Amino acid sequence: MGIKVTINEEVITRAARCSNTGKFHKGVKKNNSWVEKINDTLHKGRPTNKTCDMLNEHRVLQNLIFDCFMPRDGGSDYKSLDHNLFLYFFIQHQKVNLPEYMFHYMSWALKESIDNK
């Protein structure tokens, strides 16, 4: 359409009508202190850390997060530690910086589309 638009966290904050404060972590590694807390919360003593062994309500929340806020890479069962941490914050009723997560994943998707040309 020829209209120049700059999208940043502030624009997302206004469009989503939410605050730009709260927890935001990216690039969580397997040896991070969050991993045990995440697995305890999401799987509550179930046999594995796979999606099929998550509580049903956590799986529904996960699908909403994947479809609405955070795209994913890999197979249909793949979720990164970043996805799990976001879900953990959500389940624990901790305030999450949604605009920052949305901006981060929008930037990631744009970069992926440019790299795959």
C-alpha atoms as a PDB file:
ATOM      1  CA  MET A   1       0.000   0.000   0.000  1.00  0.00           C
ATOM      2  CA  GLY A   2       3.025   2.267   0.159  1.00  0.00           C
ATOM      3  CA  ILE A   3       2.530   3.278   3.783  1.00  0.00           C
ATOM      4  CA  LYS A   4       5.665   3.180   5.911  1.00  0.00           C
ATOM      5  CA  VAL A   5       5.044   1.665   9.317  1.00  0.00           C
ATOM      6  CA  THR A   6       7.479   1.210  12.159  1.00  0.00           C
ATOM      7  CA  ILE A   7       6.563  -1.489  14.619  1.00  0.00           C
ATOM      8  CA  ASN A   8       8.248  -1.463  17.990  1.00  0.00           C
ATOM      9  CA  GLU A   9       7.351  -2.545  21.523  1.00  0.00           C
ATOM     10  CA  GLU A  10       5.582   0.737  22.208  1.00  0.00           C
ATOM     11  CA  VAL A  11       3.294   0.288  19.196  1.00  0.00           C
ATOM     12  CA  ILE A  12       2.500  -3.295  20.244  1.00  0.00           C
ATOM     13  CA  THR A  13       1.834  -2.107  23.807  1.00  0.00           C
ATOM     14  CA  ARG A  14      -0.709   0.450  22.598  1.00  0.00           C
ATOM     15  CA  ALA A  15      -2.317  -1.932  20.101  1.00  0.00           C
ATOM     16  CA  ALA A  16      -2.628  -4.746  22.665  1.00  0.00           C
ATOM     17  CA  ARG A  17      -3.746  -2.302  25.381  1.00  0.00           C
ATOM     18  CA  CYS A  18      -1.501  -3.870  27.984  1.00  0.00           C
ATOM     19  CA  SER A  19       1.486  -2.707  29.980  1.00  0.00           C
ATOM     20  CA  ASN A  20       5.073  -3.049  28.846  1.00  0.00           C
ATOM     21  CA  THR A  21       6.264  -4.387  32.193  1.00  0.00           C
ATOM     22  CA  GLY A  22       6.732  -7.831  33.638  1.00  0.00           C
ATOM     23  CA  LYS A  23       9.030 -10.782  33.171  1.00  0.00           C
ATOM     24  CA  PHE A  24      10.805 -11.450  29.903  1.00  0.00           C
ATOM     25  CA  HIS A  25      13.541 -14.027  29.335  1.00  0.00           C
ATOM     26  CA  LYS A  26      14.839 -15.356  26.055  1.00  0.00           C
ATOM     27  CA  GLY A  27      17.518 -17.829  25.168  1.00  0.00           C
ATOM     28  CA  VAL A  28      16.982 -20.076  28.206  1.00  0.00           C
ATOM     29  CA  LYS A  29      19.501 -22.941  28.197  1.00  0.00           C
ATOM     30  CA  LYS A  30      19.062 -26.512  29.476  1.00  0.00           C
ATOM     31  CA  ASN A  31      21.332 -25.933  32.468  1.00  0.00           C
ATOM     32  CA  ASN A  32      19.388 -22.853  33.602  1.00  0.00           C
ATOM     33  CA  SER A  33      17.866 -22.758  37.092  1.00  0.00           C
ATOM     34  CA  TRP A  34      14.400 -22.304  35.546  1.00  0.00           C
ATOM     35  CA  VAL A  35      14.298 -25.756  33.946  1.00  0.00           C
ATOM     36  CA  GLU A  36      13.525 -27.741  37.120  1.00  0.00           C
ATOM     37  CA  LYS A  37      10.838 -25.260  38.211  1.00  0.00           C
ATOM     38  CA  ILE A  38       9.285 -25.363  34.743  1.00  0.00           C
ATOM     39  CA  ASN A  39       9.197 -29.161  34.583  1.00  0.00           C
ATOM     40  CA  ASP A  40       7.778 -29.458  38.113  1.00  0.00           C
ATOM     41  CA  THR A  41       4.990 -27.019  37.264  1.00  0.00           C
ATOM     42  CA  LEU A  42       4.103 -28.250  33.788  1.00  0.00           C
ATOM     43  CA  HIS A  43       4.384 -31.990  34.378  1.00  0.00           C
ATOM     44  CA  LYS A  44       3.717 -32.423  38.131  1.00  0.00           C
ATOM     45  CA  GLY A  45       5.430 -35.796  38.538  1.00  0.00           C
ATOM     46  CA  ARG A  46       4.295 -37.278  35.240  1.00  0.00           C
ATOM     47  CA  PRO A  47       6.623 -39.824  33.566  1.00  0.00           C
ATOM     48  CA  THR A  48       8.218 -37.580  30.911  1.00  0.00           C
ATOM     49  CA  ASN A  49       8.619 -33.921  30.034  1.00  0.00           C
ATOM     50  CA  LYS A  50       6.779 -34.372  26.729  1.00  0.00           C
ATOM     51  CA  THR A  51       3.677 -32.440  25.767  1.00  0.00           C
ATOM     52  CA  CYS A  52       1.537 -35.578  26.015  1.00  0.00           C
ATOM     53  CA  ASP A  53       2.395 -35.781  29.737  1.00  0.00           C
ATOM     54  CA  MET A  54       1.344 -32.222  30.502  1.00  0.00           C
ATOM     55  CA  LEU A  55      -1.877 -31.505  32.366  1.00  0.00           C
ATOM     56  CA  ASN A  56      -4.772 -30.963  29.942  1.00  0.00           C
ATOM     57  CA  GLU A  57      -5.287 -27.329  30.955  1.00  0.00           C
ATOM     58  CA  HIS A  58      -1.587 -26.635  30.413  1.00  0.00           C
ATOM     59  CA  ARG A  59      -1.760 -28.155  26.921  1.00  0.00           C
ATOM     60  CA  VAL A  60      -4.697 -25.901  26.039  1.00  0.00           C
ATOM     61  CA  LEU A  61      -2.780 -22.840  27.276  1.00  0.00           C
ATOM     62  CA  GLN A  62       0.275 -23.964  25.316  1.00  0.00           C
ATOM     63  CA  ASN A  63      -1.734 -24.227  22.088  1.00  0.00           C
ATOM     64  CA  LEU A  64      -3.199 -20.761  22.629  1.00  0.00           C
ATOM     65  CA  ILE A  65       0.270 -19.330  23.206  1.00  0.00           C
ATOM     66  CA  PHE A  66       1.648 -21.006  20.061  1.00  0.00           C
ATOM     67  CA  ASP A  67      -1.268 -19.892  17.918  1.00  0.00           C
ATOM     68  CA  CYS A  68      -1.553 -16.326  19.205  1.00  0.00           C
ATOM     69  CA  PHE A  69       1.748 -15.027  20.560  1.00  0.00           C
ATOM     70  CA  MET A  70       4.825 -17.120  19.971  1.00  0.00           C
ATOM     71  CA  PRO A  71       5.510 -19.010  16.733  1.00  0.00           C
ATOM     72  CA  ARG A  72       7.587 -22.129  16.956  1.00  0.00           C
ATOM     73  CA  ASP A  73      10.158 -23.907  14.900  1.00  0.00           C
ATOM     74  CA  GLY A  74      10.368 -27.665  14.462  1.00  0.00           C
ATOM     75  CA  GLY A  75       7.797 -30.424  14.677  1.00  0.00           C
ATOM     76  CA  SER A  76       4.313 -30.170  16.096  1.00  0.00           C
ATOM     77  CA  ASP A  77       5.432 -31.424  19.518  1.00  0.00           C
ATOM     78  CA  TYR A  78       8.450 -29.115  19.782  1.00  0.00           C
ATOM     79  CA  LYS A  79       8.448 -26.372  22.351  1.00  0.00           C
ATOM     80  CA  SER A  80      11.526 -24.462  23.324  1.00  0.00           C
ATOM     81  CA  LEU A  81      12.571 -23.614  26.845  1.00  0.00           C
ATOM     82  CA  ASP A  82      11.515 -20.028  26.058  1.00  0.00           C
ATOM     83  CA  HIS A  83       7.989 -21.282  25.325  1.00  0.00           C
ATOM     84  CA  ASN A  84       7.984 -23.343  28.509  1.00  0.00           C
ATOM     85  CA  LEU A  85       9.184 -20.402  30.588  1.00  0.00           C
ATOM     86  CA  PHE A  86       6.448 -18.152  29.192  1.00  0.00           C
ATOM     87  CA  LEU A  87       3.876 -20.855  29.982  1.00  0.00           C
ATOM     88  CA  TYR A  88       5.362 -21.268  33.481  1.00  0.00           C
ATOM     89  CA  PHE A  89       5.012 -17.526  34.197  1.00  0.00           C
ATOM     90  CA  PHE A  90       1.443 -17.616  32.920  1.00  0.00           C
ATOM     91  CA  ILE A  91       0.466 -20.636  35.029  1.00  0.00           C
ATOM     92  CA  GLN A  92       2.125 -19.174  38.133  1.00  0.00           C
ATOM     93  CA  HIS A  93       0.146 -15.911  37.662  1.00  0.00           C
ATOM     94  CA  GLN A  94       3.332 -13.903  37.245  1.00  0.00           C
ATOM     95  CA  LYS A  95       3.192 -10.743  35.194  1.00  0.00           C
ATOM     96  CA  VAL A  96       4.699 -11.267  31.740  1.00  0.00           C
ATOM     97  CA  ASN A  97       5.903  -8.551  29.378  1.00  0.00           C
ATOM     98  CA  LEU A  98       3.658  -9.646  26.510  1.00  0.00           C
ATOM     99  CA  PRO A  99       4.596  -6.790  24.127  1.00  0.00           C
ATOM    100  CA  GLU A 100       8.291  -7.628  24.478  1.00  0.00           C
ATOM    101  CA  TYR A 101       7.626 -11.328  23.780  1.00  0.00           C
ATOM    102  CA  MET A 102       5.448 -10.452  20.790  1.00  0.00           C
ATOM    103  CA  PHE A 103       8.059  -8.064  19.388  1.00  0.00           C
ATOM    104  CA  HIS A 104      10.839 -10.602  19.927  1.00  0.00           C
ATOM    105  CA  TYR A 105       8.957 -13.342  18.063  1.00  0.00           C
ATOM    106  CA  MET A 106       7.792 -11.001  15.302  1.00  0.00           C
ATOM    107  CA  SER A 107      11.443 -10.037  14.769  1.00  0.00           C
ATOM    108  CA  TRP A 108      12.447 -13.704  14.806  1.00  0.00           C
ATOM    109  CA  ALA A 109       9.770 -14.617  12.217  1.00  0.00           C
ATOM    110  CA  LEU A 110      10.839 -11.734   9.959  1.00  0.00           C
ATOM    111  CA  LYS A 111      14.479 -12.758  10.182  1.00  0.00           C
ATOM    112  CA  GLU A 112      13.579 -16.391   9.402  1.00  0.00           C
ATOM    113  CA  SER A 113      11.576 -15.330   6.341  1.00  0.00           C
ATOM    114  CA  ILE A 114      14.477 -13.231   5.035  1.00  0.00           C
ATOM    115  CA  ASP A 115      17.039 -15.998   5.667  1.00  0.00           C
ATOM    116  CA  ASN A 116      14.884 -18.588   3.857  1.00  0.00           C
ATOM    117  CA  LYS A 117      14.655 -16.630   0.566  1.00  0.00           C
END
